N, C-alpha and C. Protein backbone atom coordinates (compact mmCIF):
# COMPACT_ATOMS: atom_id res chain seq x y z
N MET A 1 34.51 34.18 60.58
CA MET A 1 35.87 34.08 60.44
C MET A 1 36.60 35.27 59.87
N ALA A 2 37.77 35.60 60.46
CA ALA A 2 38.45 36.85 60.06
C ALA A 2 39.25 36.59 58.65
N THR A 3 39.24 37.44 57.81
CA THR A 3 39.94 37.14 56.78
C THR A 3 41.38 37.77 56.79
N ALA A 4 42.37 37.68 55.84
CA ALA A 4 43.63 38.02 56.11
C ALA A 4 43.77 39.55 56.21
N GLY A 5 42.64 40.26 55.80
CA GLY A 5 42.74 41.74 55.86
C GLY A 5 42.20 42.39 56.98
N THR A 6 41.46 41.53 57.93
CA THR A 6 40.62 42.15 59.05
C THR A 6 41.35 41.57 60.28
N GLN A 7 40.93 42.52 61.06
CA GLN A 7 41.74 42.26 62.65
C GLN A 7 40.52 41.20 63.31
N GLY A 8 40.83 40.54 64.18
CA GLY A 8 39.74 39.69 65.06
C GLY A 8 39.36 40.54 66.24
N ASN A 9 38.59 39.83 67.10
CA ASN A 9 38.01 40.56 68.13
C ASN A 9 38.92 40.70 69.04
N ILE A 10 38.80 41.67 69.92
CA ILE A 10 39.87 41.93 71.34
C ILE A 10 39.66 40.97 72.16
N LEU A 11 38.78 40.01 72.37
CA LEU A 11 38.63 38.97 73.12
C LEU A 11 39.39 37.83 72.62
N ASP A 12 39.84 37.91 71.73
CA ASP A 12 40.39 36.60 70.99
C ASP A 12 41.81 36.88 71.28
N SER A 13 42.31 37.93 71.46
CA SER A 13 43.78 38.22 71.15
C SER A 13 44.43 37.59 72.45
N ILE A 14 46.03 37.59 72.10
CA ILE A 14 46.97 36.77 73.26
C ILE A 14 46.68 37.75 74.45
N TRP A 15 46.68 39.18 74.34
CA TRP A 15 46.46 39.77 75.64
C TRP A 15 45.42 39.61 76.36
N ALA A 16 44.41 39.58 75.91
CA ALA A 16 43.14 39.24 76.73
C ALA A 16 43.17 37.75 77.44
N ARG A 17 43.95 36.88 76.66
CA ARG A 17 44.14 35.44 77.14
C ARG A 17 44.94 35.69 78.57
N LEU A 18 46.28 36.44 78.42
CA LEU A 18 47.21 36.55 79.37
C LEU A 18 46.34 37.40 80.42
N VAL A 19 45.56 38.24 80.20
CA VAL A 19 44.95 38.84 81.40
C VAL A 19 44.12 37.92 82.20
N ALA A 20 43.43 37.23 81.34
CA ALA A 20 42.55 35.84 82.10
C ALA A 20 43.17 35.14 82.89
N LEU A 21 44.44 34.77 82.19
CA LEU A 21 45.37 33.90 83.03
C LEU A 21 45.98 34.34 84.36
N ILE A 22 46.27 35.59 84.26
CA ILE A 22 46.66 36.34 85.41
C ILE A 22 45.75 36.44 86.63
N LEU A 23 44.26 36.88 86.12
CA LEU A 23 43.25 36.78 87.10
C LEU A 23 42.87 35.49 87.52
N ALA A 24 43.00 34.43 86.79
CA ALA A 24 42.81 33.15 87.44
C ALA A 24 43.80 32.75 88.62
N VAL A 25 44.91 33.18 88.10
CA VAL A 25 46.09 32.80 89.07
C VAL A 25 45.98 33.49 90.39
N LEU A 26 45.58 34.69 90.15
CA LEU A 26 45.40 35.69 91.42
C LEU A 26 44.38 35.19 92.33
N ILE A 27 43.15 34.70 91.68
CA ILE A 27 42.01 34.44 92.55
C ILE A 27 42.46 32.91 93.00
N ALA A 28 43.00 32.10 92.46
CA ALA A 28 43.70 31.04 93.07
C ALA A 28 44.61 31.28 94.28
N LEU A 29 45.58 32.08 94.21
CA LEU A 29 46.35 32.43 95.30
C LEU A 29 45.67 33.12 96.47
N LEU A 30 44.28 33.70 96.23
CA LEU A 30 43.62 34.65 97.17
C LEU A 30 42.74 33.54 97.80
N ILE A 31 42.29 32.44 97.12
CA ILE A 31 41.57 31.27 97.76
C ILE A 31 42.33 30.64 98.56
N TYR A 32 43.67 30.15 98.30
CA TYR A 32 44.59 29.31 98.80
C TYR A 32 45.10 29.97 100.17
N ARG A 33 45.15 31.75 100.16
CA ARG A 33 45.93 32.30 101.13
C ARG A 33 44.54 32.46 102.31
N ASN A 34 43.46 32.72 101.95
CA ASN A 34 42.19 32.40 103.23
C ASN A 34 41.99 31.20 103.60
N TRP A 35 42.28 29.95 102.74
CA TRP A 35 41.66 28.61 103.34
C TRP A 35 42.79 27.78 103.30
N HIS A 36 44.12 28.22 103.26
CA HIS A 36 45.26 27.25 103.04
C HIS A 36 45.31 26.09 104.16
N THR A 37 44.89 26.31 105.31
CA THR A 37 44.98 25.28 106.22
C THR A 37 43.80 24.04 106.19
N ASP A 38 42.63 24.71 105.92
CA ASP A 38 41.71 23.75 105.44
C ASP A 38 42.04 22.98 104.16
N ILE A 39 42.49 23.61 103.33
CA ILE A 39 42.91 23.00 102.08
C ILE A 39 44.21 21.89 102.41
N ALA A 40 44.87 22.25 103.02
CA ALA A 40 46.03 21.31 103.46
C ALA A 40 45.63 20.12 104.23
N THR A 41 44.80 20.24 105.23
CA THR A 41 44.25 19.44 106.17
C THR A 41 43.38 18.52 105.22
N LEU A 42 42.39 18.72 104.39
CA LEU A 42 41.76 18.09 103.13
C LEU A 42 42.68 17.04 102.45
N LEU A 43 43.52 17.78 101.74
CA LEU A 43 44.53 17.21 101.14
C LEU A 43 45.52 15.99 101.97
N SER A 44 45.75 16.37 102.90
CA SER A 44 46.64 15.39 103.84
C SER A 44 45.69 13.82 104.22
N GLY A 45 44.60 14.24 104.09
CA GLY A 45 43.61 13.00 104.33
C GLY A 45 43.34 12.47 105.80
N GLU A 46 43.53 13.54 106.62
CA GLU A 46 43.41 13.38 107.96
C GLU A 46 41.78 13.35 108.41
N THR A 47 41.21 12.00 108.57
CA THR A 47 39.99 11.85 108.82
C THR A 47 39.04 12.50 109.67
N SER A 48 39.71 12.39 110.90
CA SER A 48 39.17 13.23 112.15
C SER A 48 39.06 14.63 112.14
N THR A 49 40.13 15.19 111.41
CA THR A 49 40.28 16.59 111.29
C THR A 49 39.30 16.99 109.91
N GLN A 50 39.27 16.25 109.21
CA GLN A 50 38.67 16.55 107.67
C GLN A 50 37.25 16.55 108.24
N SER A 51 36.47 15.61 109.12
CA SER A 51 35.07 15.55 109.31
C SER A 51 34.76 16.77 110.18
N ASN A 52 35.80 17.14 111.24
CA ASN A 52 35.47 18.45 112.10
C ASN A 52 35.45 19.59 110.90
N LEU A 53 36.18 19.70 110.01
CA LEU A 53 36.22 20.57 109.04
C LEU A 53 34.66 20.96 108.46
N LEU A 54 34.14 19.85 108.29
CA LEU A 54 32.84 19.87 107.32
C LEU A 54 31.69 19.69 108.23
N ALA A 55 31.88 19.42 109.56
CA ALA A 55 30.81 19.51 110.51
C ALA A 55 30.23 20.67 111.18
N GLY A 56 31.14 21.48 111.37
CA GLY A 56 30.62 22.98 111.68
C GLY A 56 31.03 23.34 112.91
N PRO A 57 30.76 24.47 113.52
CA PRO A 57 31.60 24.89 114.80
C PRO A 57 31.33 23.91 115.96
N ALA A 58 30.04 23.38 116.08
CA ALA A 58 29.94 22.62 117.26
C ALA A 58 30.72 21.23 117.39
N ALA A 59 31.02 20.83 116.18
CA ALA A 59 32.11 19.82 116.28
C ALA A 59 33.37 20.04 116.51
N ARG A 60 33.90 21.41 116.23
CA ARG A 60 35.41 21.59 116.37
C ARG A 60 35.48 22.05 117.94
N GLY A 61 34.42 22.00 118.81
CA GLY A 61 34.60 22.32 120.15
C GLY A 61 34.53 23.59 120.55
N GLU A 62 33.99 24.35 119.55
CA GLU A 62 33.47 25.87 120.01
C GLU A 62 32.50 25.54 121.00
N PRO A 63 32.40 26.67 122.04
CA PRO A 63 31.29 26.69 122.73
C PRO A 63 29.79 27.09 122.15
N ALA A 64 28.89 26.46 122.54
CA ALA A 64 27.51 26.56 121.93
C ALA A 64 26.79 27.55 122.88
N LYS A 65 26.22 28.39 122.23
CA LYS A 65 25.42 29.52 122.86
C LYS A 65 24.32 28.94 123.55
N GLN A 66 24.24 29.28 125.15
CA GLN A 66 23.20 28.42 125.70
C GLN A 66 22.47 29.76 126.30
N ALA A 67 22.06 30.88 125.37
CA ALA A 67 21.34 31.94 125.99
C ALA A 67 19.68 31.58 125.86
N ASN A 68 19.48 30.52 125.12
CA ASN A 68 17.95 30.32 124.89
C ASN A 68 17.64 28.86 125.82
N PRO A 69 16.82 29.21 126.79
CA PRO A 69 16.57 28.33 127.81
C PRO A 69 15.70 27.22 127.06
N GLU A 70 14.69 27.54 126.04
CA GLU A 70 14.04 26.40 125.26
C GLU A 70 14.87 25.47 124.60
N LEU A 71 15.97 25.95 123.98
CA LEU A 71 16.87 25.31 123.28
C LEU A 71 17.69 24.18 124.47
N ALA A 72 18.05 24.67 125.53
CA ALA A 72 18.88 23.99 126.40
C ALA A 72 18.08 22.90 126.95
N ALA A 73 16.71 23.16 127.04
CA ALA A 73 15.75 22.07 127.73
C ALA A 73 15.55 21.00 126.86
N CYS A 74 15.35 21.50 125.58
CA CYS A 74 15.23 20.43 124.15
C CYS A 74 16.38 19.61 124.04
N LEU A 75 17.47 20.39 124.13
CA LEU A 75 18.88 19.57 124.09
C LEU A 75 18.91 18.53 125.06
N LYS A 76 18.68 19.02 126.21
CA LYS A 76 18.90 18.09 127.38
C LYS A 76 17.75 16.82 127.28
N GLN A 77 16.64 17.00 126.95
CA GLN A 77 15.53 15.97 126.64
C GLN A 77 16.26 15.06 125.74
N ARG A 78 16.31 15.58 124.39
CA ARG A 78 16.38 14.87 123.15
C ARG A 78 17.78 14.08 123.29
N VAL A 79 19.15 15.00 123.86
CA VAL A 79 20.00 14.19 123.84
C VAL A 79 20.19 13.13 124.93
N GLY A 80 19.56 13.40 125.95
CA GLY A 80 19.29 12.46 127.09
C GLY A 80 18.67 11.03 126.75
N ASP A 81 17.46 11.22 125.77
CA ASP A 81 16.98 10.07 125.14
C ASP A 81 17.93 9.11 124.35
N VAL A 82 18.47 9.87 123.69
CA VAL A 82 19.39 9.15 122.68
C VAL A 82 20.78 8.19 123.75
N GLU A 83 21.33 9.03 124.61
CA GLU A 83 22.07 8.46 125.33
C GLU A 83 21.24 7.37 126.38
N LYS A 84 20.18 7.49 126.62
CA LYS A 84 19.36 6.40 127.10
C LYS A 84 19.46 5.11 126.46
N MET A 85 19.01 5.47 124.97
CA MET A 85 19.29 4.25 124.09
C MET A 85 20.49 3.55 123.93
N LYS A 86 21.55 4.35 123.82
CA LYS A 86 22.94 3.81 123.82
C LYS A 86 23.17 2.84 125.07
N SER A 87 22.81 3.54 126.32
CA SER A 87 23.13 2.85 127.72
C SER A 87 22.15 1.45 127.53
N ASP A 88 21.06 1.39 127.06
CA ASP A 88 20.25 0.40 127.20
C ASP A 88 20.68 -0.65 125.96
N GLY A 89 21.36 -0.32 125.21
CA GLY A 89 21.94 -1.20 124.17
C GLY A 89 21.12 -1.42 122.87
N VAL A 90 20.24 -0.09 122.68
CA VAL A 90 19.19 -0.22 121.57
C VAL A 90 19.92 0.07 120.12
N ILE A 91 20.94 0.85 120.42
CA ILE A 91 21.57 1.64 119.20
C ILE A 91 23.11 1.29 119.60
N ASP A 92 23.92 1.37 118.53
CA ASP A 92 25.48 1.31 118.72
C ASP A 92 26.02 2.68 118.64
N ASP A 93 27.56 2.70 118.37
CA ASP A 93 28.38 3.71 118.43
C ASP A 93 27.96 4.74 117.20
N SER A 94 27.96 4.02 116.13
CA SER A 94 27.50 4.97 115.04
C SER A 94 26.28 5.35 114.85
N GLN A 95 25.38 4.73 115.24
CA GLN A 95 23.84 5.05 115.40
C GLN A 95 23.85 6.33 116.46
N TYR A 96 24.48 6.10 117.59
CA TYR A 96 24.44 7.23 118.61
C TYR A 96 24.91 8.56 117.85
N ALA A 97 25.96 8.33 117.30
CA ALA A 97 26.52 9.77 116.62
C ALA A 97 25.27 10.57 115.63
N LEU A 98 24.92 9.60 115.07
CA LEU A 98 23.69 9.99 113.93
C LEU A 98 22.72 10.59 114.71
N PHE A 99 22.22 9.75 115.45
CA PHE A 99 21.01 10.23 116.26
C PHE A 99 21.04 11.44 117.25
N ARG A 100 22.41 11.36 117.65
CA ARG A 100 22.63 12.69 118.57
C ARG A 100 22.79 13.98 117.59
N ARG A 101 23.50 13.88 116.72
CA ARG A 101 23.51 15.06 115.60
C ARG A 101 22.31 15.43 115.00
N ARG A 102 21.13 14.46 114.77
CA ARG A 102 19.81 14.53 114.40
C ARG A 102 19.12 15.40 115.68
N ALA A 103 19.24 14.92 116.79
CA ALA A 103 18.47 15.52 117.78
C ALA A 103 18.88 16.93 118.03
N GLU A 104 20.25 17.14 117.81
CA GLU A 104 20.88 18.50 118.03
C GLU A 104 19.94 19.46 117.01
N ASP A 105 20.41 18.75 115.61
CA ASP A 105 19.44 19.85 114.28
C ASP A 105 18.29 20.03 114.94
N LEU A 106 17.43 19.03 115.30
CA LEU A 106 16.25 19.37 115.37
C LEU A 106 15.82 20.42 116.38
N CYS A 107 16.49 20.32 117.59
CA CYS A 107 16.37 21.31 118.63
C CYS A 107 16.79 22.72 118.05
N ALA A 108 17.88 22.88 117.42
CA ALA A 108 18.29 24.06 116.71
C ALA A 108 17.22 24.60 115.62
N ALA A 109 16.86 23.79 115.04
CA ALA A 109 15.67 24.13 113.91
C ALA A 109 14.46 24.63 114.69
N THR A 110 14.15 24.02 115.62
CA THR A 110 12.84 24.35 116.35
C THR A 110 12.94 25.36 117.29
N HIS A 111 14.03 25.76 117.87
CA HIS A 111 14.35 26.70 119.04
C HIS A 111 15.16 27.89 118.59
N SER A 112 15.54 28.15 117.37
CA SER A 112 16.38 29.10 116.90
C SER A 112 15.72 30.28 116.95
N ARG A 113 16.27 31.45 117.30
CA ARG A 113 15.71 33.04 117.37
C ARG A 113 16.03 33.48 116.10
């Protein structure tokens, strides 16, 4: 503890606290400036857009790179199997989305360059 005649640590001063507050505000503004549309979408509660934000580029409609023929063949086979299971009535819509995503992830993991 500081006695009446001694000066406290510089980090305990009001100036250090003001600098920390200014830095926190600047960092928050920087984050908001870079990701304001994502933050606004998440705060608005839009479920379809929110799931697209969290799902990744493939779910947002960005074209997939098909330069890898092994990957394309794997996707054709695995996704085709999942679509056949759905058309046969083995799985429902929610299971289809999950199984398709897992098939795509499996192919991407095994055939990535």
